[in-house]
Protein backbone atom coordinates (compact mmCIF):
# COMPACT_ATOMS: atom_id res chain seq x y z
CA MET A 1 63.20 13.34 -34.93
CA ILE A 2 60.58 14.18 -32.32
CA ILE A 3 61.09 12.93 -28.78
CA ILE A 4 58.09 12.87 -26.48
CA ILE A 5 58.86 12.90 -22.80
CA ASN A 6 56.05 12.17 -20.34
CA LEU A 7 56.84 13.72 -17.02
CA SER A 8 55.15 12.37 -13.95
CA GLU A 9 55.40 13.33 -10.36
CA ALA A 10 54.14 11.30 -7.43
CA PRO A 11 51.29 12.89 -5.43
CA THR A 12 51.90 14.92 -2.30
CA ILE A 13 49.34 15.93 0.32
CA SER A 14 49.21 18.93 2.60
CA ILE A 15 46.58 19.00 5.37
CA PRO A 16 46.15 22.58 6.64
CA ARG A 17 44.26 21.45 9.81
CA LYS A 18 44.89 17.98 11.23
CA ASN A 19 42.21 18.35 13.93
CA LEU A 20 38.89 20.05 13.33
CA LEU A 21 36.10 20.77 15.81
CA VAL A 22 32.64 21.83 14.65
CA ALA A 23 29.32 22.17 16.42
CA THR A 24 26.47 19.78 15.81
CA GLY A 25 24.49 20.97 12.78
CA ASP A 26 27.34 23.12 11.45
CA MET A 27 29.20 22.60 8.20
CA ALA A 28 32.57 20.85 8.38
CA GLU A 29 35.24 21.50 5.72
CA LEU A 30 38.14 19.05 5.61
CA LYS A 31 40.80 20.41 3.29
CA CYS A 32 43.30 18.23 1.44
CA VAL A 33 45.73 20.15 -0.80
CA VAL A 34 47.30 17.80 -3.34
CA THR A 35 50.00 18.21 -5.97
CA GLY A 36 51.39 15.87 -8.58
CA VAL A 37 51.74 15.30 -12.32
CA PRO A 38 49.35 14.39 -13.70
CA HIS A 39 47.01 15.99 -11.17
CA PRO A 40 46.11 13.27 -8.66
CA ARG A 41 42.64 11.91 -8.13
CA VAL A 42 41.40 12.51 -4.60
CA SER A 43 39.21 10.16 -2.61
CA TRP A 44 38.12 10.28 1.05
CA TYR A 45 37.57 7.54 3.59
CA HIS A 46 35.81 7.59 6.96
CA GLY A 47 37.52 4.71 8.69
CA PRO A 48 37.55 1.87 6.14
CA THR A 49 34.53 3.20 4.24
CA GLN A 50 34.96 5.29 1.12
CA ILE A 51 32.91 8.46 1.13
CA LEU A 52 30.73 9.12 -1.90
CA PRO A 53 28.93 12.40 -2.63
CA LEU A 54 25.46 12.59 -1.11
CA SER A 55 22.91 15.33 -0.55
CA TYR A 56 24.82 16.39 2.57
CA ILE A 57 28.34 15.37 1.51
CA GLN A 58 30.30 17.22 -1.18
CA ILE A 59 33.78 16.58 -2.55
CA SER A 60 35.08 19.56 -4.55
CA ASN A 61 37.56 19.45 -7.38
CA ASP A 62 40.32 20.81 -5.14
CA GLY A 63 39.91 17.84 -2.79
CA THR A 64 37.92 19.57 -0.05
CA LEU A 65 35.39 17.34 1.75
CA THR A 66 32.33 19.29 2.95
CA ILE A 67 29.82 17.78 5.39
CA LEU A 68 26.59 19.72 5.78
CA GLY A 69 24.75 19.56 9.10
CA SER A 70 27.39 17.61 11.01
CA GLU A 71 26.17 14.94 13.42
CA ASP A 72 27.84 12.96 16.21
CA SER A 73 28.15 9.98 13.86
CA ASP A 74 30.29 12.08 11.51
CA ALA A 75 33.08 12.34 14.11
CA GLY A 76 36.22 10.30 13.58
CA GLU A 77 39.31 10.00 11.44
CA TYR A 78 39.06 10.87 7.75
CA THR A 79 41.74 9.77 5.29
CA CYS A 80 42.51 11.75 2.14
CA VAL A 81 43.99 9.52 -0.59
CA ALA A 82 45.71 11.07 -3.64
CA LYS A 83 46.56 8.83 -6.59
CA ASN A 84 48.02 9.18 -10.05
CA GLU A 85 50.11 6.99 -12.34
CA ALA A 86 53.25 7.89 -10.42
CA GLY A 87 51.97 6.61 -7.10
CA THR A 88 49.61 6.96 -4.17
CA THR A 89 49.81 8.83 -0.88
CA GLN A 90 47.46 9.57 1.98
CA ASP A 91 47.07 11.64 5.10
CA ALA A 92 44.47 11.89 7.85
CA VAL A 93 42.26 14.52 9.46
CA THR A 94 40.44 14.07 12.77
CA LEU A 95 36.93 15.56 12.93
CA ASP A 96 35.36 16.16 16.31
CA VAL A 97 31.65 17.10 16.34
CA GLY A 98 30.87 19.04 19.46
CA SER A 99 28.09 21.07 20.97
CA PRO A 100 28.00 24.31 22.92
CA PRO A 101 27.24 24.12 26.63
CA LEU A 102 23.64 23.47 27.61
CA ILE A 103 22.57 23.63 31.24
CA VAL A 104 20.18 20.69 31.63
CA GLN A 105 19.73 21.00 35.37
CA PRO A 106 19.77 24.73 35.99
CA PRO A 107 20.22 26.35 39.38
CA ILE A 108 16.97 27.07 41.14
CA ASP A 109 16.17 29.35 44.03
CA THR A 110 17.25 27.40 47.10
CA ASN A 111 16.52 27.58 50.81
CA ILE A 112 19.18 26.25 53.17
CA ASP A 113 18.75 26.02 56.90
CA ILE A 114 21.27 28.04 58.84
CA GLU A 115 24.35 26.16 60.05
CA LYS A 116 23.65 23.43 57.53
CA ASN A 117 25.35 22.42 54.31
CA GLY A 118 23.52 22.81 51.02
CA SER A 119 23.95 22.86 47.28
CA ILE A 120 22.81 24.66 44.16
CA SER A 121 22.60 22.53 41.06
CA CYS A 122 24.15 23.38 37.71
CA VAL A 123 24.56 20.32 35.51
CA ALA A 124 25.53 21.02 31.91
CA THR A 125 26.17 19.02 28.77
CA GLY A 126 28.35 19.88 25.83
CA HIS A 127 31.32 18.64 23.86
CA PRO A 128 34.09 19.25 24.66
CA LYS A 129 33.01 18.94 28.28
CA PRO A 130 32.25 22.44 29.54
CA GLU A 131 34.15 24.03 32.39
CA THR A 132 31.88 25.16 35.26
CA ARG A 133 32.62 28.31 37.28
CA TRP A 134 30.62 29.86 40.13
CA ARG A 135 30.58 33.37 41.49
CA LYS A 136 28.39 35.41 43.75
CA LYS A 137 26.69 38.13 41.77
CA GLY A 138 28.80 41.25 41.96
CA GLY A 139 31.68 39.32 43.51
CA ALA A 140 34.72 37.27 42.57
CA SER A 141 35.02 33.63 41.59
CA LEU A 142 34.30 31.07 44.32
CA THR A 143 36.81 28.55 42.97
CA ASP A 144 39.48 29.30 45.59
CA ASP A 145 37.11 29.87 48.52
CA SER A 146 37.28 26.90 50.91
CA LYS A 147 33.70 27.40 52.02
CA PHE A 148 32.50 26.40 48.53
CA THR A 149 33.12 23.25 46.52
CA ILE A 150 32.30 22.75 42.86
CA THR A 151 31.41 19.10 42.31
CA PRO A 152 32.55 17.15 39.22
CA VAL A 153 29.10 17.58 37.67
CA GLY A 154 29.12 21.34 38.34
CA ASN A 155 26.93 21.71 41.42
CA LEU A 156 27.96 24.26 44.06
CA LEU A 157 28.27 22.89 47.60
CA ILE A 158 28.03 25.44 50.42
CA HIS A 159 29.40 24.38 53.78
CA HIS A 160 28.04 25.58 57.14
CA VAL A 161 25.64 28.15 55.71
CA GLY A 162 25.48 31.54 57.41
CA LEU A 163 23.40 34.65 56.86
CA GLU A 164 26.25 36.22 54.88
CA ASP A 165 25.82 33.52 52.26
CA GLU A 166 22.41 34.78 51.19
CA GLY A 167 22.38 36.31 47.73
CA THR A 168 22.36 35.51 44.04
CA TYR A 169 24.78 32.91 42.70
CA VAL A 170 25.79 32.73 39.05
CA CYS A 171 26.80 29.49 37.31
CA THR A 172 28.86 29.88 34.11
CA VAL A 173 29.56 26.92 31.80
CA GLU A 174 31.91 27.34 28.86
CA ASN A 175 33.69 25.34 26.18
CA ARG A 176 35.28 26.20 22.84
CA LEU A 177 31.86 26.38 21.20
CA GLY A 178 30.05 28.73 23.52
CA VAL A 179 29.13 29.88 27.00
CA GLU A 180 25.92 29.85 29.07
CA GLU A 181 25.01 31.40 32.40
CA ARG A 182 22.19 30.79 34.88
CA GLU A 183 21.58 32.25 38.31
CA ALA A 184 19.59 31.42 41.42
CA ASP A 185 18.92 32.95 44.81
CA LEU A 186 20.02 31.34 48.06
CA HIS A 187 17.81 31.95 51.10
CA VAL A 188 18.96 30.97 54.55
CA THR A 189 15.95 29.62 56.47
CA GLY A 190 14.75 27.20 59.08
CA ILE A 191 13.61 23.80 57.92
CA VAL A 192 10.29 21.88 57.83
CA PRO A 193 10.19 18.35 56.38
CA PRO A 194 7.87 17.92 53.40
CA ARG A 195 4.32 16.75 54.03
CA ILE A 196 1.75 15.81 51.39
CA VAL A 197 -1.87 16.63 52.23
CA HIS A 198 -3.93 13.61 51.18
CA GLY A 199 -7.31 14.25 49.63
CA ASP A 200 -10.54 12.27 49.73
CA THR A 201 -9.40 9.59 47.31
CA SER A 202 -6.29 8.08 45.79
CA ASP A 203 -8.12 6.04 43.13
CA TYR A 204 -9.33 7.76 39.97
CA VAL A 205 -11.50 6.32 37.19
CA VAL A 206 -12.01 8.21 33.92
CA VAL A 207 -13.23 7.49 30.39
CA GLU A 208 -10.65 7.46 27.61
CA GLY A 209 -10.34 10.92 26.08
CA ASP A 210 -11.40 12.76 29.23
CA PRO A 211 -8.95 14.96 31.21
CA VAL A 212 -7.86 14.17 34.74
CA VAL A 213 -5.93 16.00 37.46
CA LEU A 214 -3.94 14.00 40.02
CA PRO A 215 -3.28 16.32 43.00
CA CYS A 216 -0.11 16.59 45.04
CA ASN A 217 -0.65 19.25 47.72
CA VAL A 218 2.68 19.69 49.53
CA GLN A 219 3.80 21.60 52.59
CA GLY A 220 7.38 22.11 53.76
CA ASP A 221 10.19 24.63 54.27
CA PRO A 222 12.19 25.10 52.20
CA ARG A 223 9.58 24.46 49.57
CA PRO A 224 9.92 20.82 48.54
CA ILE A 225 10.91 19.84 45.02
CA ILE A 226 8.14 17.80 43.46
CA THR A 227 8.70 14.97 40.99
CA TRP A 228 6.24 12.53 39.43
CA GLN A 229 6.65 9.04 38.09
CA THR A 230 4.30 6.48 36.57
CA ASN A 231 4.86 2.76 36.81
CA GLY A 232 8.42 3.48 37.94
CA ILE A 233 9.26 5.81 35.03
CA PRO A 234 10.00 9.50 35.81
CA ILE A 235 7.72 12.07 34.17
CA LEU A 236 9.79 14.96 32.83
CA PRO A 237 8.38 18.50 32.76
CA SER A 238 8.87 18.50 28.99
CA HIS A 239 6.77 15.37 28.47
CA PRO A 240 4.28 16.02 25.63
CA HIS A 241 1.47 13.97 27.19
CA TYR A 242 1.68 15.03 30.83
CA HIS A 243 1.70 18.52 32.32
CA ILE A 244 2.92 19.37 35.82
CA SER A 245 1.30 22.63 36.88
CA VAL A 246 2.83 25.30 39.09
CA ASP A 247 0.89 23.89 42.03
CA ASP A 248 2.63 20.52 41.41
CA ASN A 249 -0.51 18.69 40.28
CA LEU A 250 -0.23 16.27 37.37
CA HIS A 251 -2.57 17.03 34.46
CA ILE A 252 -3.45 14.61 31.66
CA LEU A 253 -5.40 16.58 29.09
CA GLU A 254 -6.61 13.62 27.03
CA THR A 255 -6.35 10.22 28.67
CA VAL A 256 -5.58 7.03 26.75
CA GLU A 257 -5.78 3.40 27.80
CA GLN A 258 -2.02 3.29 28.37
CA ASP A 259 -2.38 5.89 31.15
CA THR A 260 -3.85 3.24 33.44
CA GLY A 261 -1.40 2.56 36.24
CA THR A 262 0.19 3.80 39.44
CA TYR A 263 1.41 7.40 39.85
CA VAL A 264 3.77 8.51 42.59
CA CYS A 265 4.26 12.13 43.65
CA THR A 266 7.54 12.61 45.54
CA ALA A 267 8.26 15.73 47.59
CA ALA A 268 11.80 16.36 48.78
CA ASN A 269 13.67 19.12 50.55
CA LEU A 270 16.73 19.27 52.76
CA ALA A 271 14.79 17.78 55.65
CA GLY A 272 13.60 14.63 53.98
CA VAL A 273 11.47 12.91 51.36
CA THR A 274 7.84 11.79 51.28
CA ASN A 275 5.51 10.54 48.59
CA LYS A 276 1.90 9.83 47.69
CA VAL A 277 0.66 6.92 45.56
CA THR A 278 -2.35 7.39 43.27
CA SER A 279 -3.95 4.82 40.97
CA LEU A 280 -5.63 5.69 37.68
CA LEU A 281 -7.98 3.47 35.66
CA VAL A 282 -8.86 4.61 32.14
CA GLN A 283 -12.05 2.98 30.93
CA VAL A 284 -12.40 2.46 27.18
CA PRO A 285 -15.77 2.29 25.38
CA PRO A 286 -16.03 -0.80 23.16
CA ARG A 287 -14.48 -0.49 19.72
CA ILE A 288 -15.01 -3.42 17.33
CA TYR A 289 -12.00 -3.91 15.10
CA PRO A 290 -12.75 -3.42 11.38
CA SER A 291 -13.36 -6.52 9.28
CA ARG A 292 -14.95 -7.29 5.95
CA GLU A 293 -18.74 -6.94 5.82
CA LEU A 294 -19.67 -9.54 3.21
CA PHE A 295 -19.17 -13.27 3.85
CA GLU A 296 -19.93 -15.91 1.21
CA VAL A 297 -19.83 -19.61 2.12
CA ILE A 298 -21.06 -22.91 0.77
CA GLU A 299 -23.84 -24.76 2.54
CA GLY A 300 -22.30 -27.12 5.09
CA ASP A 301 -19.10 -25.10 5.52
CA ARG A 302 -18.00 -23.80 8.92
CA VAL A 303 -18.53 -20.04 9.28
CA VAL A 304 -16.70 -17.69 11.67
CA LEU A 305 -18.10 -14.16 11.88
CA PRO A 306 -15.42 -12.08 13.68
CA CYS A 307 -16.10 -9.64 16.50
CA LYS A 308 -12.76 -8.67 18.04
CA VAL A 309 -13.29 -5.88 20.57
CA ARG A 310 -11.09 -3.41 22.44
CA ALA A 311 -12.72 -2.31 25.69
CA VAL A 312 -11.95 -1.58 29.35
CA PRO A 313 -13.58 -3.15 31.30
CA PRO A 314 -14.12 -6.11 28.93
CA ALA A 315 -17.26 -5.82 26.84
CA GLN A 316 -20.27 -8.09 26.82
CA ILE A 317 -20.72 -9.33 23.25
CA ARG A 318 -24.12 -10.28 21.85
CA TRP A 319 -25.21 -11.19 18.30
CA LYS A 320 -28.38 -10.22 16.50
CA GLN A 321 -29.94 -11.96 13.49
CA SER A 322 -33.15 -10.86 11.83
CA GLY A 323 -33.62 -8.16 14.47
CA SER A 324 -33.45 -10.39 17.55
CA PHE A 325 -30.58 -11.47 19.76
CA TRP A 326 -29.06 -14.83 18.91
CA GLN A 327 -29.99 -17.71 21.20
CA PRO A 328 -27.84 -20.86 21.43
CA ASN A 329 -30.62 -23.16 20.19
CA ARG A 330 -28.50 -25.12 17.70
CA LEU A 331 -25.71 -27.48 18.65
CA ASP A 332 -23.48 -26.25 15.82
CA PHE A 333 -23.75 -22.59 16.94
CA ALA A 334 -21.05 -21.33 19.34
CA GLN A 335 -19.80 -17.95 20.50
CA LEU A 336 -16.01 -18.13 20.86
CA ASN A 337 -13.97 -16.56 23.66
CA ASN A 338 -12.91 -13.69 21.36
CA GLY A 339 -16.58 -12.88 20.64
CA SER A 340 -16.70 -14.43 17.17
CA LEU A 341 -19.78 -16.42 16.13
CA GLN A 342 -19.13 -19.89 14.71
CA PHE A 343 -21.60 -22.31 13.07
CA VAL A 344 -22.14 -24.69 10.16
CA ALA A 345 -23.88 -22.78 7.37
CA GLN A 346 -27.40 -23.71 6.32
CA VAL A 347 -29.45 -22.02 3.63
CA THR A 348 -31.71 -20.48 6.25
CA ASP A 349 -28.68 -18.85 7.94
CA ALA A 350 -28.24 -16.33 5.11
CA GLY A 351 -28.96 -12.73 6.07
CA GLU A 352 -27.71 -9.83 8.17
CA TYR A 353 -25.84 -10.33 11.45
CA PHE A 354 -25.02 -7.63 13.99
CA CYS A 355 -22.31 -7.89 16.65
CA GLU A 356 -23.03 -5.63 19.64
CA ALA A 357 -20.33 -4.98 22.25
CA SER A 358 -21.17 -3.02 25.40
CA ASN A 359 -19.69 -2.11 28.76
CA VAL A 360 -20.39 0.51 31.45
CA VAL A 361 -19.07 3.37 29.31
CA GLY A 362 -20.52 2.67 25.88
CA LYS A 363 -21.27 0.24 23.09
CA ASP A 364 -20.40 -0.44 19.46
CA THR A 365 -22.14 -2.38 16.69
CA ARG A 366 -20.85 -3.89 13.46
CA LYS A 367 -22.94 -5.33 10.63
CA MET A 368 -22.06 -8.42 8.59
CA VAL A 369 -23.96 -10.00 5.69
CA LEU A 370 -23.83 -13.77 5.14
CA SER A 371 -24.61 -15.35 1.79
CA VAL A 372 -24.97 -19.16 1.76
CA LEU A 373 -24.35 -20.80 -1.61
CA VAL A 374 -25.92 -24.17 -2.48
CA PRO A 375 -24.10 -26.40 -5.00
CA PRO A 376 -26.22 -27.49 -7.98
CA SER A 377 -28.17 -30.74 -7.88
CA ILE A 378 -30.10 -32.43 -10.72
CA VAL A 379 -33.32 -34.39 -10.28
CA PRO A 380 -32.44 -37.96 -11.37
CA LEU A 381 -34.17 -39.26 -14.53
CA PRO A 382 -36.13 -42.53 -14.32
CA PHE A 383 -34.15 -43.77 -17.34
CA SER A 384 -30.60 -43.54 -18.64
CA ASN A 385 -31.37 -44.54 -22.24
CA LEU A 386 -33.92 -42.92 -24.52
CA THR A 387 -35.04 -44.23 -27.92
CA SER A 388 -36.69 -42.16 -30.66
CA LEU A 389 -37.85 -42.58 -34.25
CA VAL A 390 -36.56 -40.37 -36.98
CA ASN A 391 -38.45 -37.06 -37.28
CA GLN A 392 -39.80 -37.28 -33.75
CA THR A 393 -39.25 -34.40 -31.28
CA VAL A 394 -37.31 -35.52 -28.23
CA SER A 395 -37.17 -33.72 -24.86
CA LEU A 396 -34.15 -34.33 -22.61
CA PRO A 397 -35.09 -32.88 -19.21
CA CYS A 398 -32.59 -31.40 -16.68
CA LEU A 399 -34.39 -30.24 -13.56
CA THR A 400 -31.92 -28.46 -11.23
CA SER A 401 -31.77 -26.70 -7.90
CA GLY A 402 -29.07 -24.61 -6.19
CA TYR A 403 -28.20 -21.06 -5.14
CA PRO A 404 -27.52 -18.97 -7.06
CA LYS A 405 -29.61 -20.57 -9.83
CA PRO A 406 -27.32 -22.90 -11.78
CA ILE A 407 -26.37 -22.19 -15.38
CA ILE A 408 -27.17 -25.19 -17.58
CA HIS A 409 -25.42 -26.35 -20.75
CA TRP A 410 -25.40 -29.61 -22.64
CA GLN A 411 -22.74 -31.75 -24.22
CA LYS A 412 -23.04 -34.50 -26.78
CA ASN A 413 -20.31 -37.10 -26.69
CA GLY A 414 -18.16 -34.67 -24.65
CA ILE A 415 -18.61 -31.72 -27.06
CA ASN A 416 -20.72 -28.67 -26.21
CA VAL A 417 -24.10 -28.67 -27.92
CA THR A 418 -24.77 -25.76 -30.29
CA THR A 419 -28.21 -24.60 -31.30
CA ASP A 420 -27.24 -22.88 -34.53
CA ASP A 421 -28.85 -25.44 -36.88
CA GLY A 422 -32.36 -24.98 -35.48
CA LYS A 423 -32.66 -28.69 -34.73
CA LEU A 424 -31.47 -28.36 -31.13
CA SER A 425 -32.68 -25.83 -28.58
CA ILE A 426 -32.45 -25.35 -24.81
CA ASN A 427 -35.40 -23.74 -23.05
CA SER A 428 -35.34 -21.57 -19.92
CA GLU A 429 -35.72 -24.64 -17.68
CA GLY A 430 -32.62 -26.27 -19.18
CA VAL A 431 -34.56 -28.89 -21.22
CA LEU A 432 -32.78 -29.91 -24.45
CA LEU A 433 -35.26 -30.19 -27.34
CA VAL A 434 -34.29 -32.25 -30.40
CA ASN A 435 -36.67 -31.14 -33.18
CA ARG A 436 -37.34 -33.85 -35.80
CA ALA A 437 -34.58 -36.14 -34.59
CA GLN A 438 -32.25 -37.63 -37.19
CA LEU A 439 -29.89 -40.57 -37.03
CA HIS A 440 -26.90 -38.29 -36.41
CA HIS A 441 -28.58 -36.93 -33.28
CA ALA A 442 -27.98 -40.24 -31.51
CA GLY A 443 -25.29 -40.19 -28.81
CA LEU A 444 -24.48 -39.67 -25.14
CA TYR A 445 -25.93 -36.39 -23.87
CA THR A 446 -24.69 -34.77 -20.64
CA CYS A 447 -26.52 -32.01 -18.77
CA ILE A 448 -24.07 -29.85 -16.80
CA ALA A 449 -25.34 -27.45 -14.09
CA GLU A 450 -22.88 -24.92 -12.58
CA ASN A 451 -22.87 -22.09 -10.06
CA PRO A 452 -20.12 -20.55 -7.83
CA ALA A 453 -20.65 -23.33 -5.27
CA GLY A 454 -19.93 -26.22 -7.64
CA LYS A 455 -21.36 -28.21 -10.51
CA ALA A 456 -23.32 -31.40 -11.22
CA ASN A 457 -24.04 -33.48 -14.31
CA GLN A 458 -26.40 -36.13 -15.54
CA LYS A 459 -26.07 -38.38 -18.62
CA VAL A 460 -28.67 -39.94 -20.92
CA TYR A 461 -28.08 -41.92 -24.10
CA LEU A 462 -30.32 -41.11 -27.07
CA SER A 463 -30.86 -43.75 -29.78
CA VAL A 464 -32.56 -42.75 -33.06
CA PHE A 465 -33.99 -45.44 -35.42
CA GLY A 466 -35.41 -45.20 -38.94
CA ARG A 467 -38.05 -47.95 -38.23
CA LEU A 468 -39.49 -49.10 -35.00
CA SER A 469 -42.09 -51.79 -34.48
CA VAL A 470 -45.33 -50.96 -32.75
CA ILE A 471 -44.42 -53.42 -30.08
CA ASP A 472 -41.13 -51.72 -29.37
CA SER A 473 -42.92 -48.37 -29.39
CA LEU A 474 -45.37 -49.53 -26.81
CA LYS A 475 -42.54 -50.82 -24.64
CA ASN A 476 -40.78 -47.40 -24.54
CA PRO A 477 -42.85 -44.85 -22.59
CA ALA A 478 -40.52 -42.02 -23.57
CA ILE A 479 -41.22 -42.66 -27.26
CA LYS A 480 -44.93 -42.98 -26.63
CA SER A 481 -44.80 -39.63 -24.99
CA ASN A 482 -42.96 -38.09 -27.92
CA GLN A 483 -45.45 -39.61 -30.43
CA LYS A 484 -48.43 -37.88 -28.85
């Protein structure tokens, strides 16, 4: 007798590192060592969400979760779940995504008036929050010196400055992911409040695409710190569109319409703050927005030819037709507020139209072609019934007009006429010829004229007789005409 014993063992989990810190952009490996019989299946959760393999997320066979290029959003608690037929267990790992220290407001060379208090900036970012230390170059830490205070954001405050305080100061920021140092010189000086030298104008007008320089000539001691803002928004030195030169002027290399506004240069030092307000107007040559070129309407329909324009200052819009500017000599013609031309289409309105937009800095023109379609019409017949003798040739006229030229076809008793038997033919003018009419040619004939603008029809009843008295013949002018 063979006895089969299936052994099973509930899963167990061992987490080598319960808390893991990695730098932004680095790879994070969260290990989850599992045992059990049969070997447990491992799954990972970030909060309540199960993690599935992606291009930047890998789950290896041994249960290790690898995150490539870690981001702030990857931080949090991760749960490793091991499961087999004997049970389920889980354990958690906390991932912290940090960044090495980065000094975002570095210390700069600073002048402080003697006997005054002053500060040297050193504001840093990083996660975990960096520790900031200051020292005088070649000297010991300033942490325990009562003359100096390190603020919560990392700036160094210097109380009651004396000549002995001149020198180079070093700011060191450090966390578990790195360290950074910057230094700046402290000069003990007198003090002159900032003053901005105003030029000839504070209003500038340029054409879009042209460069412009907004000056900010500053005097003061210590040298004032210059900042710029536009429409209340600070302009950072790293801004891709603006450039603040070493002489503190604001350069715009290629102006755009959105640059129009108010610019404020602010100069500040230990003695005070002052500013200068400058206005900038960016003029834009007219640009007519693209639209279709071909317009096709039916005679009598309302037409709107668009001419939407972008321009600063607003453009004057004029329309040309047949080489001359449009004049409002028809009641149905109107130029709308947005520049579009509106009218009720007539046949004579077909042709080329040109919208011209102009202002003090340029002009633009756009061409449009209008085609006016005319629905078909048929010249009424003086009769609605036509009588013919057998073997006579009968002409059923269908004189039409319309644009484009209508296509003509005939029906007899509601069925399209065919010309295969040689008895019926339709000439280029649309006339239906019945050659040697027979009794079976009698019936209701309909001329149908069609073009893209519509269609029209006209009916005539043809009667064919084997005998016809002379008197009857004389009474019917259509038959007399066919007998000649």
